[in-house]
Amino acid sequence: MNSDLLALRRTLSTLQGEYRKMRKRERSEDTRHKIELGGLVIKASLGDEDRAYILGVLLTGNRRKGDARLREQMIKLGREALRQ
């Protein structure tokens, strides 16, 4: 009985360690994603703009993404800017 309990505790400890590693990796990926998005704001020369304005621009773009023609224009503009 004690050996079964000890084995379960070891398994639990191992799983907890793996969970902590997974959470750390997820947080790192999330942080990297946010840094990359912030870099896009800087690339668009919006770094000195009011945060509400930046959010408004993004929300407006999101609302209009159903417009296929505008979406293609924005993708083209963005790809050109990323090449610079």
N, C-alpha and C. Protein backbone atom coordinates (compact mmCIF):
# COMPACT_ATOMS: atom_id res chain seq x y z
N MET A 1 0.82 -1.20 0.00
CA MET A 1 0.00 0.00 0.00
C MET A 1 0.86 1.25 0.00
N ASN A 2 1.87 1.29 0.87
CA ASN A 2 2.74 2.45 0.92
C ASN A 2 3.50 2.65 -0.38
N SER A 3 3.90 1.57 -1.02
CA SER A 3 4.62 1.71 -2.29
C SER A 3 3.70 2.24 -3.38
N ASP A 4 2.41 1.86 -3.33
CA ASP A 4 1.45 2.40 -4.30
C ASP A 4 1.27 3.90 -4.10
N LEU A 5 1.16 4.29 -2.83
CA LEU A 5 1.00 5.71 -2.51
C LEU A 5 2.24 6.50 -2.92
N LEU A 6 3.41 5.95 -2.66
CA LEU A 6 4.66 6.60 -3.05
C LEU A 6 4.74 6.74 -4.57
N ALA A 7 4.35 5.73 -5.29
CA ALA A 7 4.36 5.78 -6.76
C ALA A 7 3.40 6.85 -7.26
N LEU A 8 2.24 6.94 -6.64
CA LEU A 8 1.26 7.96 -7.03
C LEU A 8 1.79 9.37 -6.75
N ARG A 9 2.46 9.53 -5.62
CA ARG A 9 3.03 10.84 -5.28
C ARG A 9 4.12 11.23 -6.28
N ARG A 10 4.93 10.28 -6.67
CA ARG A 10 5.99 10.55 -7.67
C ARG A 10 5.37 10.94 -9.01
N THR A 11 4.33 10.21 -9.38
CA THR A 11 3.64 10.52 -10.64
C THR A 11 3.02 11.91 -10.57
N LEU A 12 2.40 12.22 -9.44
CA LEU A 12 1.80 13.54 -9.26
C LEU A 12 2.87 14.63 -9.34
N SER A 13 3.97 14.41 -8.69
CA SER A 13 5.06 15.38 -8.70
C SER A 13 5.59 15.59 -10.12
N THR A 14 5.74 14.50 -10.85
CA THR A 14 6.19 14.58 -12.24
C THR A 14 5.21 15.37 -13.10
N LEU A 15 3.93 15.07 -12.94
CA LEU A 15 2.90 15.78 -13.71
C LEU A 15 2.84 17.26 -13.34
N GLN A 16 3.00 17.57 -12.07
CA GLN A 16 3.01 18.97 -11.66
C GLN A 16 4.20 19.71 -12.28
N GLY A 17 5.35 19.05 -12.32
CA GLY A 17 6.53 19.66 -12.95
C GLY A 17 6.30 19.90 -14.43
N GLU A 18 5.72 18.93 -15.11
CA GLU A 18 5.43 19.09 -16.53
C GLU A 18 4.41 20.20 -16.76
N TYR A 19 3.43 20.29 -15.88
CA TYR A 19 2.42 21.35 -16.00
C TYR A 19 3.07 22.72 -15.85
N ARG A 20 3.95 22.87 -14.86
CA ARG A 20 4.65 24.15 -14.66
C ARG A 20 5.47 24.52 -15.89
N LYS A 21 6.16 23.55 -16.48
CA LYS A 21 6.94 23.81 -17.69
C LYS A 21 6.04 24.24 -18.84
N MET A 22 4.91 23.57 -18.98
CA MET A 22 3.98 23.89 -20.05
C MET A 22 3.43 25.31 -19.87
N ARG A 23 3.05 25.67 -18.65
CA ARG A 23 2.53 27.00 -18.37
C ARG A 23 3.59 28.06 -18.64
N LYS A 24 4.83 27.78 -18.26
CA LYS A 24 5.92 28.73 -18.49
C LYS A 24 6.12 28.93 -19.99
N ARG A 25 6.09 27.86 -20.75
CA ARG A 25 6.24 27.93 -22.21
C ARG A 25 5.08 28.73 -22.82
N GLU A 26 3.86 28.49 -22.35
CA GLU A 26 2.70 29.23 -22.85
C GLU A 26 2.82 30.72 -22.55
N ARG A 27 3.27 31.05 -21.34
CA ARG A 27 3.45 32.45 -20.98
C ARG A 27 4.53 33.10 -21.84
N SER A 28 5.60 32.38 -22.09
CA SER A 28 6.67 32.91 -22.94
C SER A 28 6.18 33.16 -24.35
N GLU A 29 5.41 32.22 -24.89
CA GLU A 29 4.86 32.40 -26.24
C GLU A 29 3.89 33.57 -26.29
N ASP A 30 3.08 33.74 -25.25
CA ASP A 30 2.14 34.85 -25.18
C ASP A 30 2.89 36.18 -25.11
N THR A 31 3.94 36.22 -24.29
CA THR A 31 4.75 37.43 -24.17
C THR A 31 5.39 37.78 -25.50
N ARG A 32 5.94 36.80 -26.18
CA ARG A 32 6.57 37.03 -27.48
C ARG A 32 5.55 37.58 -28.49
N HIS A 33 4.36 37.01 -28.49
CA HIS A 33 3.30 37.45 -29.40
C HIS A 33 2.96 38.92 -29.14
N LYS A 34 2.83 39.28 -27.87
CA LYS A 34 2.50 40.66 -27.53
C LYS A 34 3.63 41.62 -27.91
N ILE A 35 4.86 41.20 -27.73
CA ILE A 35 6.00 42.03 -28.12
C ILE A 35 5.99 42.24 -29.64
N GLU A 36 5.72 41.17 -30.38
CA GLU A 36 5.65 41.29 -31.84
C GLU A 36 4.55 42.24 -32.28
N LEU A 37 3.39 42.18 -31.62
CA LEU A 37 2.29 43.09 -31.95
C LEU A 37 2.67 44.53 -31.62
N GLY A 38 3.35 44.73 -30.51
CA GLY A 38 3.83 46.06 -30.16
C GLY A 38 4.81 46.57 -31.20
N GLY A 39 5.63 45.69 -31.72
CA GLY A 39 6.57 46.06 -32.78
C GLY A 39 5.85 46.53 -34.03
N LEU A 40 4.71 45.93 -34.32
CA LEU A 40 3.92 46.37 -35.48
C LEU A 40 3.37 47.77 -35.27
N VAL A 41 2.99 48.09 -34.05
CA VAL A 41 2.52 49.44 -33.74
C VAL A 41 3.65 50.43 -33.99
N ILE A 42 4.85 50.10 -33.57
CA ILE A 42 6.01 50.96 -33.79
C ILE A 42 6.31 51.07 -35.28
N LYS A 43 6.28 49.95 -35.99
CA LYS A 43 6.54 49.94 -37.43
C LYS A 43 5.56 50.83 -38.18
N ALA A 44 4.33 50.90 -37.69
CA ALA A 44 3.30 51.73 -38.32
C ALA A 44 3.41 53.20 -37.88
N SER A 45 4.46 53.53 -37.15
CA SER A 45 4.69 54.90 -36.64
C SER A 45 3.57 55.37 -35.74
N LEU A 46 3.02 54.45 -34.96
CA LEU A 46 1.94 54.79 -34.04
C LEU A 46 2.39 54.74 -32.58
N GLY A 47 3.67 54.56 -32.36
CA GLY A 47 4.19 54.40 -31.00
C GLY A 47 3.94 55.59 -30.09
N ASP A 48 3.85 56.79 -30.66
CA ASP A 48 3.64 57.99 -29.85
C ASP A 48 2.17 58.41 -29.80
N GLU A 49 1.32 57.64 -30.41
CA GLU A 49 -0.11 57.98 -30.44
C GLU A 49 -0.79 57.58 -29.14
N ASP A 50 -1.91 58.19 -28.90
CA ASP A 50 -2.74 57.86 -27.75
C ASP A 50 -3.20 56.41 -27.86
N ARG A 51 -3.18 55.70 -26.77
CA ARG A 51 -3.56 54.28 -26.77
C ARG A 51 -4.99 54.08 -27.26
N ALA A 52 -5.88 54.99 -26.88
CA ALA A 52 -7.27 54.88 -27.31
C ALA A 52 -7.37 55.02 -28.83
N TYR A 53 -6.55 55.90 -29.40
CA TYR A 53 -6.55 56.07 -30.85
C TYR A 53 -6.08 54.79 -31.54
N ILE A 54 -4.99 54.22 -31.04
CA ILE A 54 -4.46 52.97 -31.62
C ILE A 54 -5.52 51.88 -31.56
N LEU A 55 -6.16 51.75 -30.42
CA LEU A 55 -7.20 50.73 -30.28
C LEU A 55 -8.36 51.02 -31.22
N GLY A 56 -8.72 52.28 -31.36
CA GLY A 56 -9.80 52.65 -32.28
C GLY A 56 -9.47 52.29 -33.72
N VAL A 57 -8.23 52.54 -34.12
CA VAL A 57 -7.80 52.17 -35.47
C VAL A 57 -7.91 50.67 -35.67
N LEU A 58 -7.46 49.91 -34.69
CA LEU A 58 -7.51 48.45 -34.80
C LEU A 58 -8.95 47.95 -34.81
N LEU A 59 -9.79 48.53 -33.97
CA LEU A 59 -11.20 48.11 -33.95
C LEU A 59 -11.90 48.45 -35.26
N THR A 60 -11.58 49.61 -35.82
CA THR A 60 -12.17 49.99 -37.11
C THR A 60 -11.74 49.02 -38.19
N GLY A 61 -10.46 48.69 -38.21
CA GLY A 61 -9.97 47.72 -39.18
C GLY A 61 -10.62 46.36 -39.01
N ASN A 62 -10.80 45.95 -37.78
CA ASN A 62 -11.43 44.66 -37.51
C ASN A 62 -12.88 44.65 -37.99
N ARG A 63 -13.59 45.74 -37.78
CA ARG A 63 -14.99 45.81 -38.23
C ARG A 63 -15.10 45.79 -39.74
N ARG A 64 -14.07 46.29 -40.42
CA ARG A 64 -14.14 46.39 -41.88
C ARG A 64 -13.43 45.25 -42.59
N LYS A 65 -12.97 44.26 -41.84
CA LYS A 65 -12.22 43.17 -42.47
C LYS A 65 -13.08 42.30 -43.38
N GLY A 66 -14.40 42.43 -43.30
CA GLY A 66 -15.29 41.69 -44.19
C GLY A 66 -15.31 42.25 -45.60
N ASP A 67 -14.80 43.46 -45.77
CA ASP A 67 -14.71 44.09 -47.08
C ASP A 67 -13.48 43.51 -47.78
N ALA A 68 -13.70 42.57 -48.68
CA ALA A 68 -12.61 41.82 -49.31
C ALA A 68 -11.62 42.73 -50.03
N ARG A 69 -12.13 43.73 -50.73
CA ARG A 69 -11.24 44.63 -51.46
C ARG A 69 -10.34 45.42 -50.51
N LEU A 70 -10.93 45.97 -49.47
CA LEU A 70 -10.15 46.72 -48.48
C LEU A 70 -9.16 45.81 -47.77
N ARG A 71 -9.60 44.59 -47.45
CA ARG A 71 -8.71 43.64 -46.79
C ARG A 71 -7.47 43.35 -47.63
N GLU A 72 -7.67 43.12 -48.92
CA GLU A 72 -6.54 42.87 -49.82
C GLU A 72 -5.60 44.07 -49.89
N GLN A 73 -6.18 45.27 -49.93
CA GLN A 73 -5.37 46.49 -49.94
C GLN A 73 -4.53 46.59 -48.66
N MET A 74 -5.14 46.29 -47.53
CA MET A 74 -4.44 46.38 -46.25
C MET A 74 -3.33 45.33 -46.16
N ILE A 75 -3.60 44.13 -46.67
CA ILE A 75 -2.57 43.08 -46.67
C ILE A 75 -1.41 43.49 -47.55
N LYS A 76 -1.71 44.04 -48.71
CA LYS A 76 -0.64 44.49 -49.62
C LYS A 76 0.19 45.59 -48.96
N LEU A 77 -0.47 46.56 -48.37
CA LEU A 77 0.22 47.64 -47.70
C LEU A 77 1.09 47.11 -46.55
N GLY A 78 0.54 46.20 -45.77
CA GLY A 78 1.27 45.63 -44.66
C GLY A 78 2.47 44.82 -45.10
N ARG A 79 2.33 44.03 -46.15
CA ARG A 79 3.47 43.24 -46.65
C ARG A 79 4.59 44.15 -47.15
N GLU A 80 4.21 45.23 -47.83
CA GLU A 80 5.23 46.18 -48.30
C GLU A 80 5.97 46.80 -47.12
N ALA A 81 5.24 47.18 -46.10
CA ALA A 81 5.87 47.78 -44.92
C ALA A 81 6.77 46.79 -44.19
N LEU A 82 6.39 45.53 -44.15
CA LEU A 82 7.19 44.52 -43.47
C LEU A 82 8.50 44.24 -44.20
N ARG A 83 8.52 44.46 -45.51
CA ARG A 83 9.74 44.25 -46.29
C ARG A 83 10.77 45.35 -46.06
N GLN A 84 10.33 46.49 -45.56
CA GLN A 84 11.24 47.62 -45.38
C GLN A 84 12.05 47.50 -44.12
